[in-house]
Structure formats: C-alpha cells, structure tokens
C-alpha cells in the first residue's frame, strides 16, 4: 500500500454538509454481511468512479483489501489521501475513548475495489446504532457456537 497526502484546511464546500452528517454515520461499508454481540463484518464494493460517503469509525477494526486498486479519501481533519492498494493489504485501527475518524472513500482507479472490514463491538467507544434496514442485511448470516 502506498499513499500520497495533500492537506487542505477545510473540506471542499460541496462536501462540507455531507461531512457533518457523516460524523454520526456508523455504516462503514456498502453492505453489512454479519453482526453478532462481538463484531460487525462489512464489505465495501466500489466500481470505478463510485464512492462511499462520509462515515465515522469509533470502534476498533481492521480492513483487508480483497482486490487491488486506487482510492481517494477526504478526512474530517481536512486531509486528502490517495492510496494504491494491493490485494491482501491489511490495516488495524484502534480508537481510545472519545476518539474517532471520519472519512469517505472514492474509487479513482479502473478496477473494482473490494474490502472486508471487521469492527469489534468491545471497544473503548460505544457503537453507533445502525438503521433497521442496514441491520436487516445481516439477518441471513449463520452464527455457530461450539
């Protein structure tokens, strides 16, 4: 994974309102695959030119790039980062109490970009409540206790 950083003092005007709304959006993927009392598993699937809007991470999590590709993220602190992902790249994130990260993700490459993200509900911060229709996406997941 390689990154290029450019810094801006504030988000572009057309993104400012969406950024503010995204500070309360805990939907960190394009689809919730599974959810139980310990974790949430998400996928992000973005065709070239597609984007997932601003969302906020408050839970410890990790992501894995399933496919290679290029993306651009605008962050709540004004950073804009372009990243080249390789299939198999993994990053772990941990947030102390009261800390979070708000960003979007746009596919700026020419191939579909797919990630899997796993959030851990036993984190320093409480999880955001997910809308009922998002929770319903995970209803078909199979959970086995042994």
N, C-alpha and C. Protein backbone atom coordinates (compact mmCIF):
# COMPACT_ATOMS: atom_id res chain seq x y z
N UNK A 1 0.85 -1.16 0.00
CA UNK A 1 0.00 0.00 0.00
C UNK A 1 0.90 1.23 0.00
N UNK A 2 0.62 2.15 -0.92
CA UNK A 2 1.37 3.40 -0.95
C UNK A 2 0.38 4.56 -0.89
N UNK A 3 0.80 5.64 -0.23
CA UNK A 3 -0.10 6.78 -0.03
C UNK A 3 0.56 8.07 -0.47
N UNK A 4 -0.27 8.99 -0.98
CA UNK A 4 0.13 10.36 -1.27
C UNK A 4 -0.82 11.26 -0.51
N UNK A 5 -0.30 12.23 0.20
CA UNK A 5 -1.10 13.09 1.07
C UNK A 5 -1.08 14.51 0.56
N UNK A 6 -2.24 15.12 0.49
CA UNK A 6 -2.32 16.56 0.28
C UNK A 6 -3.15 17.10 1.42
N UNK A 7 -2.86 18.29 1.85
CA UNK A 7 -3.53 18.84 3.02
C UNK A 7 -4.36 20.05 2.63
N UNK A 8 -5.55 20.13 3.19
CA UNK A 8 -6.43 21.28 2.99
C UNK A 8 -6.93 21.71 4.36
N UNK A 9 -7.13 23.00 4.55
CA UNK A 9 -7.60 23.46 5.85
C UNK A 9 -9.05 23.10 6.13
N UNK A 10 -9.88 22.88 5.09
CA UNK A 10 -11.29 22.56 5.28
C UNK A 10 -11.76 21.72 4.10
N UNK A 11 -12.82 20.93 4.27
CA UNK A 11 -13.31 20.14 3.15
C UNK A 11 -13.85 21.04 2.05
N UNK A 12 -13.87 20.51 0.83
CA UNK A 12 -14.44 21.26 -0.29
C UNK A 12 -15.88 21.64 0.07
N UNK A 13 -16.33 22.83 -0.35
CA UNK A 13 -17.67 23.30 0.05
C UNK A 13 -18.78 22.31 -0.27
N UNK A 14 -18.68 21.61 -1.40
CA UNK A 14 -19.73 20.67 -1.76
C UNK A 14 -19.74 19.43 -0.87
N UNK A 15 -18.68 19.21 -0.10
CA UNK A 15 -18.61 18.04 0.79
C UNK A 15 -18.87 18.40 2.25
N UNK A 16 -18.87 19.69 2.58
CA UNK A 16 -18.94 20.11 3.98
C UNK A 16 -20.21 19.61 4.69
N UNK A 17 -21.38 19.75 4.07
CA UNK A 17 -22.62 19.31 4.71
C UNK A 17 -22.64 17.79 4.85
N UNK A 18 -22.17 17.09 3.84
CA UNK A 18 -22.13 15.63 3.92
C UNK A 18 -21.16 15.17 4.99
N UNK A 19 -20.03 15.85 5.10
CA UNK A 19 -19.05 15.52 6.15
C UNK A 19 -19.69 15.67 7.53
N UNK A 20 -20.40 16.76 7.75
CA UNK A 20 -21.02 16.98 9.06
C UNK A 20 -22.03 15.87 9.38
N UNK A 21 -22.86 15.49 8.42
CA UNK A 21 -23.82 14.40 8.63
C UNK A 21 -23.10 13.07 8.84
N UNK A 22 -21.98 12.87 8.18
CA UNK A 22 -21.22 11.63 8.29
C UNK A 22 -20.59 11.41 9.65
N UNK A 23 -20.48 12.46 10.45
CA UNK A 23 -19.90 12.33 11.79
C UNK A 23 -20.78 11.47 12.71
N UNK A 24 -22.03 11.24 12.30
CA UNK A 24 -22.95 10.40 13.08
C UNK A 24 -23.34 9.12 12.33
N UNK A 25 -22.65 8.85 11.23
CA UNK A 25 -22.96 7.69 10.39
C UNK A 25 -22.00 6.55 10.70
N UNK A 26 -22.50 5.49 11.29
CA UNK A 26 -21.68 4.33 11.63
C UNK A 26 -21.70 3.23 10.59
N UNK A 27 -22.27 3.49 9.42
CA UNK A 27 -22.30 2.49 8.34
C UNK A 27 -20.98 2.58 7.59
N UNK A 28 -20.02 1.74 7.98
CA UNK A 28 -18.65 1.84 7.49
C UNK A 28 -18.39 0.99 6.26
N UNK A 29 -19.43 0.47 5.65
CA UNK A 29 -19.30 -0.31 4.43
C UNK A 29 -20.49 -0.10 3.53
N UNK A 30 -20.46 -0.72 2.35
CA UNK A 30 -21.60 -0.61 1.45
C UNK A 30 -22.66 -1.64 1.77
N UNK A 31 -22.28 -2.69 2.52
CA UNK A 31 -23.26 -3.71 2.94
C UNK A 31 -22.76 -4.40 4.21
N UNK A 32 -23.68 -4.59 5.16
CA UNK A 32 -23.37 -5.32 6.40
C UNK A 32 -23.58 -6.81 6.13
N UNK A 33 -22.51 -7.59 6.25
CA UNK A 33 -22.58 -9.02 5.95
C UNK A 33 -23.00 -9.85 7.14
N UNK A 34 -22.53 -9.46 8.33
CA UNK A 34 -22.77 -10.25 9.53
C UNK A 34 -22.65 -9.35 10.75
N UNK A 35 -23.44 -9.70 11.80
CA UNK A 35 -23.38 -8.93 13.03
C UNK A 35 -23.78 -9.86 14.17
N UNK A 36 -23.02 -9.82 15.26
CA UNK A 36 -23.41 -10.54 16.46
C UNK A 36 -23.06 -9.66 17.65
N UNK A 37 -23.02 -10.24 18.85
CA UNK A 37 -22.76 -9.42 20.03
C UNK A 37 -21.29 -9.02 20.17
N UNK A 38 -20.41 -9.52 19.29
CA UNK A 38 -18.99 -9.21 19.38
C UNK A 38 -18.45 -8.40 18.22
N UNK A 39 -19.06 -8.54 17.03
CA UNK A 39 -18.46 -7.91 15.86
C UNK A 39 -19.50 -7.58 14.78
N UNK A 40 -19.06 -6.73 13.86
CA UNK A 40 -19.80 -6.41 12.64
C UNK A 40 -18.84 -6.64 11.48
N UNK A 41 -19.31 -7.32 10.45
CA UNK A 41 -18.50 -7.58 9.27
C UNK A 41 -19.16 -6.88 8.08
N UNK A 42 -18.39 -6.04 7.42
CA UNK A 42 -18.87 -5.23 6.30
C UNK A 42 -18.11 -5.56 5.03
N UNK A 43 -18.71 -5.28 3.90
CA UNK A 43 -17.98 -5.24 2.64
C UNK A 43 -18.10 -3.84 2.07
N UNK A 44 -17.09 -3.44 1.36
CA UNK A 44 -17.13 -2.24 0.55
C UNK A 44 -16.83 -2.69 -0.88
N UNK A 45 -17.76 -2.43 -1.78
CA UNK A 45 -17.59 -2.78 -3.18
C UNK A 45 -17.85 -1.53 -4.01
N UNK A 46 -16.79 -1.03 -4.66
CA UNK A 46 -16.88 0.22 -5.42
C UNK A 46 -16.35 0.00 -6.83
N UNK A 47 -17.21 0.20 -7.80
CA UNK A 47 -16.79 0.18 -9.19
C UNK A 47 -16.02 1.47 -9.47
N UNK A 48 -15.24 1.51 -10.56
CA UNK A 48 -14.51 2.75 -10.88
C UNK A 48 -15.46 3.95 -10.90
N UNK A 49 -15.05 5.01 -10.22
CA UNK A 49 -15.86 6.23 -10.14
C UNK A 49 -16.87 6.25 -9.01
N UNK A 50 -17.13 5.10 -8.36
CA UNK A 50 -18.09 5.07 -7.26
C UNK A 50 -17.42 5.50 -5.96
N UNK A 51 -18.28 5.88 -5.00
CA UNK A 51 -17.79 6.42 -3.73
C UNK A 51 -18.74 6.02 -2.61
N UNK A 52 -18.17 5.69 -1.45
CA UNK A 52 -18.96 5.55 -0.24
C UNK A 52 -18.82 6.87 0.50
N UNK A 53 -19.96 7.43 0.92
CA UNK A 53 -19.96 8.74 1.55
C UNK A 53 -19.30 8.74 2.92
N UNK A 54 -19.30 9.91 3.53
CA UNK A 54 -18.66 10.07 4.82
C UNK A 54 -19.31 9.18 5.88
N UNK A 55 -18.47 8.57 6.67
CA UNK A 55 -18.89 7.73 7.79
C UNK A 55 -17.83 7.86 8.87
N UNK A 56 -18.18 7.45 10.08
CA UNK A 56 -17.26 7.63 11.21
C UNK A 56 -16.96 6.32 11.89
N UNK A 57 -15.68 6.07 12.07
CA UNK A 57 -15.20 4.90 12.81
C UNK A 57 -15.00 5.30 14.27
N UNK A 58 -15.68 4.60 15.17
CA UNK A 58 -15.48 4.79 16.60
C UNK A 58 -15.02 3.49 17.26
N UNK A 59 -15.19 2.38 16.56
CA UNK A 59 -14.84 1.06 17.09
C UNK A 59 -13.48 0.62 16.56
N UNK A 60 -12.77 -0.19 17.34
CA UNK A 60 -11.56 -0.83 16.85
C UNK A 60 -11.96 -1.71 15.67
N UNK A 61 -11.11 -1.76 14.64
CA UNK A 61 -11.46 -2.54 13.46
C UNK A 61 -10.22 -2.85 12.66
N UNK A 62 -10.39 -3.74 11.68
CA UNK A 62 -9.38 -3.92 10.65
C UNK A 62 -10.06 -4.08 9.32
N UNK A 63 -9.33 -3.73 8.27
CA UNK A 63 -9.83 -3.96 6.92
C UNK A 63 -8.80 -4.74 6.14
N UNK A 64 -9.29 -5.45 5.14
CA UNK A 64 -8.45 -6.20 4.20
C UNK A 64 -8.88 -5.82 2.79
N UNK A 65 -7.92 -5.49 1.94
CA UNK A 65 -8.21 -5.24 0.53
C UNK A 65 -8.31 -6.59 -0.18
N UNK A 66 -9.46 -6.86 -0.75
CA UNK A 66 -9.67 -8.11 -1.49
C UNK A 66 -9.12 -7.97 -2.91
N UNK A 67 -9.26 -6.78 -3.48
CA UNK A 67 -8.74 -6.51 -4.82
C UNK A 67 -7.76 -5.35 -4.76
N UNK A 68 -6.93 -5.25 -5.77
CA UNK A 68 -6.02 -4.12 -5.89
C UNK A 68 -6.75 -2.95 -6.52
N UNK A 69 -6.28 -1.73 -6.25
CA UNK A 69 -6.89 -0.57 -6.87
C UNK A 69 -6.41 0.73 -6.24
N UNK A 70 -7.01 1.83 -6.70
CA UNK A 70 -6.64 3.16 -6.23
C UNK A 70 -7.86 3.85 -5.66
N UNK A 71 -7.66 4.59 -4.56
CA UNK A 71 -8.77 5.29 -3.92
C UNK A 71 -8.31 6.64 -3.38
N UNK A 72 -9.30 7.51 -3.19
CA UNK A 72 -9.06 8.81 -2.56
C UNK A 72 -10.00 8.94 -1.39
N UNK A 73 -9.48 9.40 -0.25
CA UNK A 73 -10.30 9.65 0.93
C UNK A 73 -10.12 11.10 1.37
N UNK A 74 -11.25 11.72 1.71
CA UNK A 74 -11.27 13.02 2.37
C UNK A 74 -11.54 12.72 3.84
N UNK A 75 -10.74 13.30 4.72
CA UNK A 75 -10.87 13.05 6.15
C UNK A 75 -11.47 14.27 6.85
N UNK A 76 -12.09 14.00 7.99
CA UNK A 76 -12.72 15.05 8.77
C UNK A 76 -11.77 16.13 9.23
N UNK A 77 -10.48 15.83 9.29
CA UNK A 77 -9.49 16.82 9.73
C UNK A 77 -8.92 17.64 8.57
N UNK A 78 -9.47 17.44 7.35
CA UNK A 78 -9.02 18.20 6.19
C UNK A 78 -8.04 17.49 5.28
N UNK A 79 -7.46 16.38 5.74
CA UNK A 79 -6.53 15.65 4.88
C UNK A 79 -7.25 15.05 3.67
N UNK A 80 -6.55 14.95 2.57
CA UNK A 80 -7.00 14.20 1.40
C UNK A 80 -5.87 13.23 1.08
N UNK A 81 -6.18 11.95 1.05
CA UNK A 81 -5.15 10.92 0.86
C UNK A 81 -5.53 10.05 -0.32
N UNK A 82 -4.59 9.87 -1.24
CA UNK A 82 -4.75 8.91 -2.33
C UNK A 82 -3.89 7.70 -2.02
N UNK A 83 -4.49 6.52 -2.17
CA UNK A 83 -3.82 5.28 -1.78
C UNK A 83 -3.90 4.27 -2.91
N UNK A 84 -2.80 3.59 -3.14
CA UNK A 84 -2.72 2.45 -4.06
C UNK A 84 -2.75 1.19 -3.21
N UNK A 85 -3.79 0.37 -3.37
CA UNK A 85 -3.95 -0.84 -2.57
C UNK A 85 -3.52 -2.06 -3.37
N UNK A 86 -2.94 -3.02 -2.67
CA UNK A 86 -2.63 -4.33 -3.23
C UNK A 86 -3.59 -5.33 -2.62
N UNK A 87 -4.01 -6.33 -3.37
CA UNK A 87 -4.84 -7.38 -2.80
C UNK A 87 -4.09 -8.00 -1.62
N UNK A 88 -4.77 -8.13 -0.50
CA UNK A 88 -4.15 -8.69 0.70
C UNK A 88 -3.65 -7.66 1.69
N UNK A 89 -3.62 -6.38 1.31
CA UNK A 89 -3.23 -5.34 2.28
C UNK A 89 -4.21 -5.38 3.46
N UNK A 90 -3.67 -5.18 4.66
CA UNK A 90 -4.46 -5.18 5.88
C UNK A 90 -4.01 -4.01 6.74
N UNK A 91 -4.98 -3.36 7.38
CA UNK A 91 -4.64 -2.31 8.35
C UNK A 91 -5.55 -2.44 9.56
N UNK A 92 -4.96 -2.37 10.76
CA UNK A 92 -5.70 -2.40 12.03
C UNK A 92 -5.78 -0.99 12.58
N UNK A 93 -6.93 -0.62 13.13
CA UNK A 93 -7.13 0.70 13.73
C UNK A 93 -7.71 0.51 15.13
N UNK A 94 -7.19 1.27 16.09
CA UNK A 94 -7.67 1.24 17.46
C UNK A 94 -7.96 2.67 17.90
N UNK A 95 -9.10 2.87 18.57
CA UNK A 95 -9.51 4.20 18.99
C UNK A 95 -9.66 4.22 20.51
N UNK A 96 -8.99 5.17 21.15
CA UNK A 96 -9.16 5.34 22.59
C UNK A 96 -10.49 6.04 22.84
N UNK A 97 -10.90 6.06 24.08
CA UNK A 97 -12.19 6.64 24.46
C UNK A 97 -12.31 8.08 23.95
N UNK A 98 -13.42 8.35 23.27
CA UNK A 98 -13.68 9.68 22.75
C UNK A 98 -13.04 9.99 21.41
N UNK A 99 -12.25 9.07 20.88
CA UNK A 99 -11.56 9.30 19.60
C UNK A 99 -12.35 8.64 18.47
N UNK A 100 -12.20 9.18 17.26
CA UNK A 100 -12.90 8.65 16.08
C UNK A 100 -12.19 9.11 14.83
N UNK A 101 -12.65 8.61 13.68
CA UNK A 101 -12.11 9.01 12.38
C UNK A 101 -13.27 9.06 11.39
N UNK A 102 -13.44 10.21 10.74
CA UNK A 102 -14.48 10.38 9.74
C UNK A 102 -13.81 10.53 8.38
N UNK A 103 -14.31 9.79 7.39
CA UNK A 103 -13.75 9.88 6.04
C UNK A 103 -14.74 9.32 5.02
N UNK A 104 -14.46 9.57 3.75
CA UNK A 104 -15.16 8.93 2.65
C UNK A 104 -14.16 8.06 1.90
N UNK A 105 -14.59 7.41 0.84
CA UNK A 105 -13.68 6.59 0.04
C UNK A 105 -14.22 6.55 -1.38
N UNK A 106 -13.41 7.00 -2.34
CA UNK A 106 -13.80 7.01 -3.74
C UNK A 106 -12.83 6.15 -4.54
N UNK A 107 -13.36 5.33 -5.42
CA UNK A 107 -12.54 4.51 -6.30
C UNK A 107 -12.09 5.39 -7.46
N UNK A 108 -10.81 5.72 -7.52
CA UNK A 108 -10.28 6.56 -8.59
C UNK A 108 -9.46 5.73 -9.58
N UNK A 109 -9.55 4.41 -9.47
CA UNK A 109 -8.84 3.53 -10.38
C UNK A 109 -9.73 3.03 -11.49
N UNK A 110 -9.26 2.03 -12.20
CA UNK A 110 -10.02 1.49 -13.32
C UNK A 110 -10.45 0.04 -13.10
N UNK A 111 -10.37 -0.43 -11.85
CA UNK A 111 -10.84 -1.77 -11.50
C UNK A 111 -11.76 -1.67 -10.28
N UNK A 112 -12.61 -2.68 -10.10
CA UNK A 112 -13.49 -2.68 -8.92
C UNK A 112 -12.62 -2.80 -7.67
N UNK A 113 -12.98 -2.04 -6.66
CA UNK A 113 -12.26 -2.03 -5.39
C UNK A 113 -13.14 -2.70 -4.34
N UNK A 114 -12.62 -3.76 -3.70
CA UNK A 114 -13.40 -4.52 -2.72
C UNK A 114 -12.58 -4.67 -1.44
N UNK A 115 -13.23 -4.35 -0.31
CA UNK A 115 -12.63 -4.50 1.00
C UNK A 115 -13.57 -5.31 1.89
N UNK A 116 -13.00 -5.97 2.89
CA UNK A 116 -13.76 -6.51 4.01
C UNK A 116 -13.29 -5.77 5.26
N UNK A 117 -14.25 -5.31 6.05
CA UNK A 117 -13.95 -4.59 7.29
C UNK A 117 -14.62 -5.31 8.45
N UNK A 118 -13.88 -5.54 9.52
CA UNK A 118 -14.41 -6.18 10.72
C UNK A 118 -14.27 -5.20 11.88
N UNK A 119 -15.41 -4.84 12.49
CA UNK A 119 -15.44 -3.95 13.65
C UNK A 119 -15.63 -4.79 14.91
N UNK A 120 -14.99 -4.37 16.00
CA UNK A 120 -15.11 -5.07 17.27
C UNK A 120 -15.97 -4.24 18.22
N UNK A 121 -17.09 -4.80 18.63
CA UNK A 121 -18.04 -4.07 19.47
C UNK A 121 -17.53 -3.83 20.88
N UNK A 122 -16.59 -4.65 21.35
CA UNK A 122 -15.99 -4.48 22.68
C UNK A 122 -14.80 -3.53 22.55
N UNK A 123 -15.09 -2.28 22.24
CA UNK A 123 -14.07 -1.26 22.04
C UNK A 123 -14.22 -0.18 23.11
N UNK A 124 -13.32 0.77 23.12
CA UNK A 124 -13.36 1.84 24.13
C UNK A 124 -14.58 2.75 23.97
N UNK A 125 -15.14 2.81 22.77
CA UNK A 125 -16.29 3.67 22.49
C UNK A 125 -17.53 2.82 22.21
N UNK A 126 -18.70 3.32 22.55
CA UNK A 126 -19.92 2.60 22.21
C UNK A 126 -20.16 2.67 20.70
N UNK A 127 -20.77 1.64 20.12
CA UNK A 127 -21.04 1.67 18.68
C UNK A 127 -22.19 2.62 18.36
N UNK A 128 -22.16 3.15 17.15
CA UNK A 128 -23.32 3.88 16.65
C UNK A 128 -24.44 2.88 16.40
N UNK A 129 -25.67 3.29 16.63
CA UNK A 129 -26.83 2.48 16.29
C UNK A 129 -26.96 2.45 14.77
N UNK A 130 -27.19 1.27 14.22
CA UNK A 130 -27.36 1.15 12.77
C UNK A 130 -28.84 1.19 12.42
N UNK A 131 -29.19 1.79 11.29
CA UNK A 131 -30.59 1.78 10.86
C UNK A 131 -31.11 0.36 10.70
N UNK A 132 -32.40 0.15 10.96
CA UNK A 132 -33.00 -1.19 10.88
C UNK A 132 -32.77 -1.84 9.53
N UNK A 133 -32.86 -1.06 8.45
CA UNK A 133 -32.69 -1.65 7.12
C UNK A 133 -31.26 -2.13 6.89
N UNK A 134 -30.29 -1.51 7.55
CA UNK A 134 -28.90 -1.96 7.46
C UNK A 134 -28.73 -3.24 8.28
N UNK A 135 -29.28 -3.26 9.50
CA UNK A 135 -29.20 -4.46 10.33
C UNK A 135 -29.83 -5.65 9.63
N UNK A 136 -30.91 -5.42 8.88
CA UNK A 136 -31.61 -6.50 8.19
C UNK A 136 -30.73 -7.15 7.13
N UNK A 137 -29.74 -6.43 6.61
CA UNK A 137 -28.84 -7.01 5.61
C UNK A 137 -28.08 -8.21 6.15
N UNK A 138 -27.85 -8.25 7.45
CA UNK A 138 -27.05 -9.31 8.07
C UNK A 138 -27.90 -10.46 8.61
N UNK A 139 -29.21 -10.40 8.46
CA UNK A 139 -30.07 -11.41 9.06
C UNK A 139 -29.85 -12.82 8.55
N UNK A 140 -29.34 -12.97 7.33
CA UNK A 140 -29.12 -14.30 6.78
C UNK A 140 -27.81 -14.95 7.19
N UNK A 141 -26.96 -14.22 7.92
CA UNK A 141 -25.68 -14.77 8.32
C UNK A 141 -25.85 -15.92 9.30
N UNK A 142 -25.01 -16.92 9.19
CA UNK A 142 -25.06 -18.08 10.05
C UNK A 142 -24.05 -17.90 11.20
N UNK A 143 -24.52 -18.08 12.42
CA UNK A 143 -23.66 -17.99 13.61
C UNK A 143 -23.66 -19.34 14.31
N UNK A 144 -22.47 -19.87 14.57
CA UNK A 144 -22.34 -21.18 15.20
C UNK A 144 -21.57 -21.01 16.50
N UNK A 145 -22.10 -21.50 17.57
CA UNK A 145 -21.38 -21.51 18.87
C UNK A 145 -21.03 -22.95 19.18
N UNK A 146 -19.79 -23.17 19.54
CA UNK A 146 -19.36 -24.54 19.90
C UNK A 146 -18.80 -24.56 21.28
